[in-house]
């Protein structure tokens, strides 16, 4: 027999407006729950892929500045997008 998880929660528009508005498009019931399931799974997969990225610790580090001098990624983005205004 497979494991089952049942959840009940209240989502207010002030909590996460983008999620609230996205889920509100669907009528109550199966469609709304399936959309929430898809969004949760996609977020989980994105987090997993991000954590396996070779530079994930450096990119996610709060101590690392956004663009460090001599940073290859920062230099590449400046080359592509140009200097900030």
PDB file of N, CA and C in Angstrom:
ATOM      1  N   UNK A   1       0.845  -1.180   0.000  1.00  0.00           N
ATOM      2  CA  UNK A   1       0.000   0.000   0.000  1.00  0.00           C
ATOM      3  C   UNK A   1       0.886   1.239   0.000  1.00  0.00           C
ATOM      4  N   UNK A   2       0.565   2.216  -0.818  1.00  0.00           N
ATOM      5  CA  UNK A   2       1.383   3.423  -0.921  1.00  0.00           C
ATOM      6  C   UNK A   2       1.016   4.417   0.186  1.00  0.00           C
ATOM      7  N   UNK A   3       1.977   5.251   0.504  1.00  0.00           N
ATOM      8  CA  UNK A   3       1.763   6.270   1.539  1.00  0.00           C
ATOM      9  C   UNK A   3       0.884   7.386   0.990  1.00  0.00           C
ATOM     10  N   UNK A   4       0.059   7.938   1.845  1.00  0.00           N
ATOM     11  CA  UNK A   4      -0.855   9.017   1.471  1.00  0.00           C
ATOM     12  C   UNK A   4      -0.629  10.182   2.419  1.00  0.00           C
ATOM     13  N   UNK A   5      -0.638  11.381   1.864  1.00  0.00           N
ATOM     14  CA  UNK A   5      -0.509  12.579   2.687  1.00  0.00           C
ATOM     15  C   UNK A   5      -1.680  13.498   2.359  1.00  0.00           C
ATOM     16  N   UNK A   6      -2.403  13.866   3.372  1.00  0.00           N
ATOM     17  CA  UNK A   6      -3.519  14.791   3.189  1.00  0.00           C
ATOM     18  C   UNK A   6      -3.165  16.090   3.880  1.00  0.00           C
ATOM     19  N   UNK A   7      -3.452  17.198   3.192  1.00  0.00           N
ATOM     20  CA  UNK A   7      -3.127  18.510   3.758  1.00  0.00           C
ATOM     21  C   UNK A   7      -4.317  19.438   3.580  1.00  0.00           C
ATOM     22  N   UNK A   8      -4.434  20.333   4.511  1.00  0.00           N
ATOM     23  CA  UNK A   8      -5.429  21.384   4.425  1.00  0.00           C
ATOM     24  C   UNK A   8      -4.747  22.667   4.891  1.00  0.00           C
ATOM     25  N   UNK A   9      -4.840  23.716   4.102  1.00  0.00           N
ATOM     26  CA  UNK A   9      -4.194  24.970   4.488  1.00  0.00           C
ATOM     27  C   UNK A   9      -4.981  26.146   3.936  1.00  0.00           C
ATOM     28  N   UNK A  10      -4.706  27.292   4.496  1.00  0.00           N
ATOM     29  CA  UNK A  10      -5.332  28.533   4.061  1.00  0.00           C
ATOM     30  C   UNK A  10      -4.245  29.383   3.428  1.00  0.00           C
ATOM     31  N   UNK A  11      -4.489  29.868   2.219  1.00  0.00           N
ATOM     32  CA  UNK A  11      -3.560  30.750   1.526  1.00  0.00           C
ATOM     33  C   UNK A  11      -4.247  32.081   1.332  1.00  0.00           C
ATOM     34  N   UNK A  12      -3.667  33.110   1.901  1.00  0.00           N
ATOM     35  CA  UNK A  12      -4.230  34.451   1.759  1.00  0.00           C
ATOM     36  C   UNK A  12      -3.458  35.180   0.665  1.00  0.00           C
ATOM     37  N   UNK A  13      -4.129  36.071  -0.040  1.00  0.00           N
ATOM     38  CA  UNK A  13      -3.495  36.796  -1.139  1.00  0.00           C
ATOM     39  C   UNK A  13      -2.293  37.592  -0.650  1.00  0.00           C
ATOM     40  N   UNK A  14      -2.330  38.079   0.581  1.00  0.00           N
ATOM     41  CA  UNK A  14      -1.227  38.864   1.123  1.00  0.00           C
ATOM     42  C   UNK A  14       0.012  38.002   1.373  1.00  0.00           C
ATOM     43  N   UNK A  15      -0.176  36.690   1.566  1.00  0.00           N
ATOM     44  CA  UNK A  15       0.949  35.803   1.847  1.00  0.00           C
ATOM     45  C   UNK A  15       1.871  35.685   0.641  1.00  0.00           C
ATOM     46  N   UNK A  16       1.346  35.179  -0.448  1.00  0.00           N
ATOM     47  CA  UNK A  16       2.117  34.986  -1.685  1.00  0.00           C
ATOM     48  C   UNK A  16       1.195  35.373  -2.846  1.00  0.00           C
ATOM     49  N   UNK A  17       1.162  36.657  -3.209  1.00  0.00           N
ATOM     50  CA  UNK A  17       0.201  37.114  -4.219  1.00  0.00           C
ATOM     51  C   UNK A  17       0.288  36.375  -5.554  1.00  0.00           C
ATOM     52  N   UNK A  18       1.492  36.096  -6.036  1.00  0.00           N
ATOM     53  CA  UNK A  18       1.628  35.433  -7.337  1.00  0.00           C
ATOM     54  C   UNK A  18       1.035  34.025  -7.309  1.00  0.00           C
ATOM     55  N   UNK A  19       1.299  33.294  -6.245  1.00  0.00           N
ATOM     56  CA  UNK A  19       0.752  31.941  -6.117  1.00  0.00           C
ATOM     57  C   UNK A  19      -0.761  31.987  -5.965  1.00  0.00           C
ATOM     58  N   UNK A  20      -1.241  32.896  -5.148  1.00  0.00           N
ATOM     59  CA  UNK A  20      -2.679  33.037  -4.938  1.00  0.00           C
ATOM     60  C   UNK A  20      -3.387  33.322  -6.265  1.00  0.00           C
ATOM     61  N   UNK A  21      -2.869  34.281  -7.032  1.00  0.00           N
ATOM     62  CA  UNK A  21      -3.505  34.657  -8.297  1.00  0.00           C
ATOM     63  C   UNK A  21      -3.453  33.518  -9.306  1.00  0.00           C
ATOM     64  N   UNK A  22      -2.348  32.772  -9.326  1.00  0.00           N
ATOM     65  CA  UNK A  22      -2.229  31.647 -10.245  1.00  0.00           C
ATOM     66  C   UNK A  22      -3.245  30.558  -9.911  1.00  0.00           C
ATOM     67  N   UNK A  23      -3.362  30.215  -8.639  1.00  0.00           N
ATOM     68  CA  UNK A  23      -4.291  29.155  -8.236  1.00  0.00           C
ATOM     69  C   UNK A  23      -5.746  29.593  -8.345  1.00  0.00           C
ATOM     70  N   UNK A  24      -5.997  30.882  -8.213  1.00  0.00           N
ATOM     71  CA  UNK A  24      -7.369  31.386  -8.272  1.00  0.00           C
ATOM     72  C   UNK A  24      -7.971  31.225  -9.668  1.00  0.00           C
ATOM     73  N   UNK A  25      -7.133  31.080 -10.677  1.00  0.00           N
ATOM     74  CA  UNK A  25      -7.631  30.912 -12.054  1.00  0.00           C
ATOM     75  C   UNK A  25      -8.431  29.627 -12.211  1.00  0.00           C
ATOM     76  N   UNK A  26      -8.158  28.640 -11.371  1.00  0.00           N
ATOM     77  CA  UNK A  26      -8.791  27.335 -11.494  1.00  0.00           C
ATOM     78  C   UNK A  26      -9.950  27.209 -10.518  1.00  0.00           C
ATOM     79  N   UNK A  27     -11.004  26.498 -10.927  1.00  0.00           N
ATOM     80  CA  UNK A  27     -12.109  26.281  -9.992  1.00  0.00           C
ATOM     81  C   UNK A  27     -11.645  25.404  -8.825  1.00  0.00           C
ATOM     82  N   UNK A  28     -12.402  25.442  -7.760  1.00  0.00           N
ATOM     83  CA  UNK A  28     -12.059  24.617  -6.593  1.00  0.00           C
ATOM     84  C   UNK A  28     -11.973  23.159  -7.001  1.00  0.00           C
ATOM     85  N   UNK A  29     -11.112  22.431  -6.327  1.00  0.00           N
ATOM     86  CA  UNK A  29     -11.075  20.994  -6.552  1.00  0.00           C
ATOM     87  C   UNK A  29      -9.815  20.509  -7.226  1.00  0.00           C
ATOM     88  N   UNK A  30     -10.001  19.498  -8.061  1.00  0.00           N
ATOM     89  CA  UNK A  30      -8.897  18.745  -8.641  1.00  0.00           C
ATOM     90  C   UNK A  30      -7.957  19.600  -9.471  1.00  0.00           C
ATOM     91  N   UNK A  31      -8.464  20.477 -10.285  1.00  0.00           N
ATOM     92  CA  UNK A  31      -7.597  21.292 -11.140  1.00  0.00           C
ATOM     93  C   UNK A  31      -6.673  22.186 -10.319  1.00  0.00           C
ATOM     94  N   UNK A  32      -7.210  22.795  -9.288  1.00  0.00           N
ATOM     95  CA  UNK A  32      -6.406  23.682  -8.436  1.00  0.00           C
ATOM     96  C   UNK A  32      -5.343  22.885  -7.685  1.00  0.00           C
ATOM     97  N   UNK A  33      -5.703  21.731  -7.173  1.00  0.00           N
ATOM     98  CA  UNK A  33      -4.759  20.882  -6.448  1.00  0.00           C
ATOM     99  C   UNK A  33      -3.672  20.376  -7.390  1.00  0.00           C
ATOM    100  N   UNK A  34      -4.050  19.982  -8.601  1.00  0.00           N
ATOM    101  CA  UNK A  34      -3.051  19.520  -9.563  1.00  0.00           C
ATOM    102  C   UNK A  34      -2.086  20.629  -9.952  1.00  0.00           C
ATOM    103  N   UNK A  35      -2.583  21.847 -10.094  1.00  0.00           N
ATOM    104  CA  UNK A  35      -1.703  22.985 -10.399  1.00  0.00           C
ATOM    105  C   UNK A  35      -0.725  23.215  -9.254  1.00  0.00           C
ATOM    106  N   UNK A  36      -1.191  23.165  -8.030  1.00  0.00           N
ATOM    107  CA  UNK A  36      -0.316  23.328  -6.867  1.00  0.00           C
ATOM    108  C   UNK A  36       0.721  22.215  -6.831  1.00  0.00           C
ATOM    109  N   UNK A  37       0.313  20.999  -7.138  1.00  0.00           N
ATOM    110  CA  UNK A  37       1.241  19.862  -7.169  1.00  0.00           C
ATOM    111  C   UNK A  37       2.316  20.067  -8.227  1.00  0.00           C
ATOM    112  N   UNK A  38       1.927  20.548  -9.415  1.00  0.00           N
ATOM    113  CA  UNK A  38       2.893  20.793 -10.488  1.00  0.00           C
ATOM    114  C   UNK A  38       3.874  21.893 -10.087  1.00  0.00           C
ATOM    115  N   UNK A  39       3.373  22.970  -9.509  1.00  0.00           N
ATOM    116  CA  UNK A  39       4.254  24.064  -9.090  1.00  0.00           C
ATOM    117  C   UNK A  39       5.230  23.617  -8.007  1.00  0.00           C
ATOM    118  N   UNK A  40       4.747  22.819  -7.074  1.00  0.00           N
ATOM    119  CA  UNK A  40       5.618  22.327  -6.006  1.00  0.00           C
ATOM    120  C   UNK A  40       6.692  21.409  -6.571  1.00  0.00           C
ATOM    121  N   UNK A  41       6.315  20.542  -7.488  1.00  0.00           N
ATOM    122  CA  UNK A  41       7.285  19.618  -8.076  1.00  0.00           C
ATOM    123  C   UNK A  41       8.325  20.368  -8.912  1.00  0.00           C
ATOM    124  N   UNK A  42       7.879  21.335  -9.683  1.00  0.00           N
ATOM    125  CA  UNK A  42       8.811  22.128 -10.499  1.00  0.00           C
ATOM    126  C   UNK A  42       9.790  22.898  -9.606  1.00  0.00           C
ATOM    127  N   UNK A  43       9.292  23.452  -8.516  1.00  0.00           N
ATOM    128  CA  UNK A  43      10.167  24.154  -7.584  1.00  0.00           C
ATOM    129  C   UNK A  43      11.177  23.224  -6.942  1.00  0.00           C
ATOM    130  N   UNK A  44      10.743  22.029  -6.603  1.00  0.00           N
ATOM    131  CA  UNK A  44      11.638  21.037  -6.012  1.00  0.00           C
ATOM    132  C   UNK A  44      12.726  20.632  -7.002  1.00  0.00           C
ATOM    133  N   UNK A  45      12.353  20.413  -8.249  1.00  0.00           N
ATOM    134  CA  UNK A  45      13.336  20.042  -9.268  1.00  0.00           C
ATOM    135  C   UNK A  45      14.317  21.188  -9.524  1.00  0.00           C
ATOM    136  N   UNK A  46      13.833  22.413  -9.525  1.00  0.00           N
ATOM    137  CA  UNK A  46      14.722  23.560  -9.729  1.00  0.00           C
ATOM    138  C   UNK A  46      15.709  23.687  -8.573  1.00  0.00           C
ATOM    139  N   UNK A  47      15.237  23.488  -7.352  1.00  0.00           N
ATOM    140  CA  UNK A  47      16.131  23.554  -6.194  1.00  0.00           C
ATOM    141  C   UNK A  47      17.167  22.443  -6.240  1.00  0.00           C
ATOM    142  N   UNK A  48      16.754  21.245  -6.660  1.00  0.00           N
ATOM    143  CA  UNK A  48      17.676  20.115  -6.746  1.00  0.00           C
ATOM    144  C   UNK A  48      18.739  20.374  -7.804  1.00  0.00           C
ATOM    145  N   UNK A  49      18.333  20.869  -8.966  1.00  0.00           N
ATOM    146  CA  UNK A  49      19.295  21.170 -10.033  1.00  0.00           C
ATOM    147  C   UNK A  49      20.244  22.273  -9.607  1.00  0.00           C
ATOM    148  N   UNK A  50      19.716  23.269  -8.918  1.00  0.00           N
ATOM    149  CA  UNK A  50      20.542  24.378  -8.458  1.00  0.00           C
ATOM    150  C   UNK A  50      21.560  23.912  -7.423  1.00  0.00           C
ATOM    151  N   UNK A  51      21.169  22.990  -6.556  1.00  0.00           N
ATOM    152  CA  UNK A  51      22.087  22.526  -5.520  1.00  0.00           C
ATOM    153  C   UNK A  51      23.194  21.660  -6.102  1.00  0.00           C
ATOM    154  N   UNK A  52      22.966  21.047  -7.270  1.00  0.00           N
ATOM    155  CA  UNK A  52      23.988  20.223  -7.899  1.00  0.00           C
ATOM    156  C   UNK A  52      24.905  21.014  -8.822  1.00  0.00           C
ATOM    157  N   UNK A  53      24.612  22.308  -9.018  1.00  0.00           N
ATOM    158  CA  UNK A  53      25.455  23.153  -9.866  1.00  0.00           C
ATOM    159  C   UNK A  53      26.821  23.306  -9.213  1.00  0.00           C
ATOM    160  N   UNK A  54      27.914  23.207  -9.980  1.00  0.00           N
ATOM    161  CA  UNK A  54      29.255  23.252  -9.398  1.00  0.00           C
ATOM    162  C   UNK A  54      29.541  24.515  -8.581  1.00  0.00           C
ATOM    163  N   UNK A  55      28.943  25.620  -8.934  1.00  0.00           N
ATOM    164  CA  UNK A  55      29.214  26.866  -8.216  1.00  0.00           C
ATOM    165  C   UNK A  55      28.049  27.288  -7.336  1.00  0.00           C
ATOM    166  N   UNK A  56      27.172  26.357  -6.980  1.00  0.00           N
ATOM    167  CA  UNK A  56      25.969  26.724  -6.237  1.00  0.00           C
ATOM    168  C   UNK A  56      26.281  27.352  -4.889  1.00  0.00           C
ATOM    169  N   UNK A  57      27.260  26.833  -4.171  1.00  0.00           N
ATOM    170  CA  UNK A  57      27.569  27.411  -2.862  1.00  0.00           C
ATOM    171  C   UNK A  57      28.045  28.847  -2.995  1.00  0.00           C
ATOM    172  N   UNK A  58      28.891  29.108  -3.972  1.00  0.00           N
ATOM    173  CA  UNK A  58      29.387  30.468  -4.159  1.00  0.00           C
ATOM    174  C   UNK A  58      28.263  31.393  -4.626  1.00  0.00           C
ATOM    175  N   UNK A  59      27.421  30.899  -5.524  1.00  0.00           N
ATOM    176  CA  UNK A  59      26.348  31.734  -6.043  1.00  0.00           C
ATOM    177  C   UNK A  59      25.274  32.016  -5.005  1.00  0.00           C
ATOM    178  N   UNK A  60      25.046  31.075  -4.090  1.00  0.00           N
ATOM    179  CA  UNK A  60      24.003  31.238  -3.080  1.00  0.00           C
ATOM    180  C   UNK A  60      24.515  31.829  -1.779  1.00  0.00           C
ATOM    181  N   UNK A  61      25.797  32.047  -1.675  1.00  0.00           N
ATOM    182  CA  UNK A  61      26.379  32.554  -0.444  1.00  0.00           C
ATOM    183  C   UNK A  61      25.952  34.008  -0.223  1.00  0.00           C
ATOM    184  N   UNK A  62      25.487  34.293   0.977  1.00  0.00           N
ATOM    185  CA  UNK A  62      25.075  35.661   1.310  1.00  0.00           C
ATOM    186  C   UNK A  62      26.286  36.564   1.465  1.00  0.00           C
ATOM    187  N   UNK A  63      27.445  35.986   1.766  1.00  0.00           N
ATOM    188  CA  UNK A  63      28.651  36.788   1.975  1.00  0.00           C
ATOM    189  C   UNK A  63      29.278  37.225   0.660  1.00  0.00           C
ATOM    190  N   UNK A  64      28.937  36.564  -0.435  1.00  0.00           N
ATOM    191  CA  UNK A  64      29.510  36.892  -1.734  1.00  0.00           C
ATOM    192  C   UNK A  64      28.794  38.101  -2.311  1.00  0.00           C
ATOM    193  N   UNK A  65      29.520  39.127  -2.705  1.00  0.00           N
ATOM    194  CA  UNK A  65      28.859  40.284  -3.334  1.00  0.00           C
ATOM    195  C   UNK A  65      28.288  39.898  -4.693  1.00  0.00           C
ATOM    196  N   UNK A  66      27.354  40.700  -5.177  1.00  0.00           N
ATOM    197  CA  UNK A  66      26.694  40.384  -6.444  1.00  0.00           C
ATOM    198  C   UNK A  66      27.676  40.317  -7.608  1.00  0.00           C
ATOM    199  N   UNK A  67      28.532  41.304  -7.733  1.00  0.00           N
ATOM    200  CA  UNK A  67      29.523  41.309  -8.799  1.00  0.00           C
ATOM    201  C   UNK A  67      30.854  41.671  -8.180  1.00  0.00           C
ATOM    202  N   UNK A  68      31.731  40.689  -8.084  1.00  0.00           N
ATOM    203  CA  UNK A  68      33.056  40.930  -7.523  1.00  0.00           C
ATOM    204  C   UNK A  68      34.013  41.316  -8.634  1.00  0.00           C
ATOM    205  N   UNK A  69      35.026  42.088  -8.300  1.00  0.00           N
ATOM    206  CA  UNK A  69      36.039  42.465  -9.277  1.00  0.00           C
ATOM    207  C   UNK A  69      36.773  41.211  -9.728  1.00  0.00           C
ATOM    208  N   UNK A  70      36.913  41.036 -11.027  1.00  0.00           N
ATOM    209  CA  UNK A  70      37.607  39.871 -11.558  1.00  0.00           C
ATOM    210  C   UNK A  70      36.744  38.617 -11.595  1.00  0.00           C
ATOM    211  N   UNK A  71      35.480  38.732 -11.270  1.00  0.00           N
ATOM    212  CA  UNK A  71      34.573  37.578 -11.294  1.00  0.00           C
ATOM    213  C   UNK A  71      34.229  37.272 -12.751  1.00  0.00           C
ATOM    214  N   UNK A  72      34.476  36.032 -13.175  1.00  0.00           N
ATOM    215  CA  UNK A  72      34.236  35.666 -14.572  1.00  0.00           C
ATOM    216  C   UNK A  72      32.768  35.799 -14.961  1.00  0.00           C
ATOM    217  N   UNK A  73      31.870  35.367 -14.072  1.00  0.00           N
ATOM    218  CA  UNK A  73      30.442  35.480 -14.391  1.00  0.00           C
ATOM    219  C   UNK A  73      30.003  36.935 -14.446  1.00  0.00           C
ATOM    220  N   UNK A  74      30.501  37.741 -13.499  1.00  0.00           N
ATOM    221  CA  UNK A  74      30.165  39.164 -13.493  1.00  0.00           C
ATOM    222  C   UNK A  74      30.714  39.869 -14.711  1.00  0.00           C
ATOM    223  N   UNK A  75      31.962  39.538 -15.085  1.00  0.00           N
ATOM    224  CA  UNK A  75      32.568  40.136 -16.270  1.00  0.00           C
ATOM    225  C   UNK A  75      31.803  39.746 -17.521  1.00  0.00           C
ATOM    226  N   UNK A  76      31.370  38.492 -17.590  1.00  0.00           N
ATOM    227  CA  UNK A  76      30.615  38.028 -18.755  1.00  0.00           C
ATOM    228  C   UNK A  76      29.278  38.745 -18.850  1.00  0.00           C
ATOM    229  N   UNK A  77      28.615  38.940 -17.708  1.00  0.00           N
ATOM    230  CA  UNK A  77      27.323  39.627 -17.761  1.00  0.00           C
ATOM    231  C   UNK A  77      27.496  41.084 -18.144  1.00  0.00           C
ATOM    232  N   UNK A  78      28.578  41.723 -17.681  1.00  0.00           N
ATOM    233  CA  UNK A  78      28.829  43.111 -18.071  1.00  0.00           C
ATOM    234  C   UNK A  78      29.130  43.200 -19.564  1.00  0.00           C
ATOM    235  N   UNK A  79      29.846  42.207 -20.082  1.00  0.00           N
ATOM    236  CA  UNK A  79      30.160  42.192 -21.508  1.00  0.00           C
ATOM    237  C   UNK A  79      28.888  42.027 -22.325  1.00  0.00           C
ATOM    238  N   UNK A  80      27.976  41.191 -21.831  1.00  0.00           N
ATOM    239  CA  UNK A  80      26.743  40.919 -22.566  1.00  0.00           C
ATOM    240  C   UNK A  80      25.743  42.054 -22.441  1.00  0.00           C
ATOM    241  N   UNK A  81      25.524  42.536 -21.210  1.00  0.00           N
ATOM    242  CA  UNK A  81      24.487  43.543 -20.983  1.00  0.00           C
ATOM    243  C   UNK A  81      25.014  44.975 -20.970  1.00  0.00           C
ATOM    244  N   UNK A  82      26.302  45.163 -20.789  1.00  0.00           N
ATOM    245  CA  UNK A  82      26.869  46.490 -20.678  1.00  0.00           C
ATOM    246  C   UNK A  82      26.908  46.941 -19.237  1.00  0.00           C
ATOM    247  N   UNK A  83      27.593  48.066 -18.991  1.00  0.00           N
ATOM    248  CA  UNK A  83      27.717  48.540 -17.606  1.00  0.00           C
ATOM    249  C   UNK A  83      26.370  49.038 -17.078  1.00  0.00           C
ATOM    250  N   UNK A  84      26.209  49.031 -15.727  1.00  0.00           N
ATOM    251  CA  UNK A  84      24.955  49.540 -15.161  1.00  0.00           C
ATOM    252  C   UNK A  84      24.804  51.024 -15.422  1.00  0.00           C
ATOM    253  N   UNK A  85      23.577  51.463 -15.461  1.00  0.00           N
ATOM    254  CA  UNK A  85      23.288  52.891 -15.721  1.00  0.00           C
ATOM    255  C   UNK A  85      23.597  53.756 -14.534  1.00  0.00           C
TER     256      UNK A  85
END
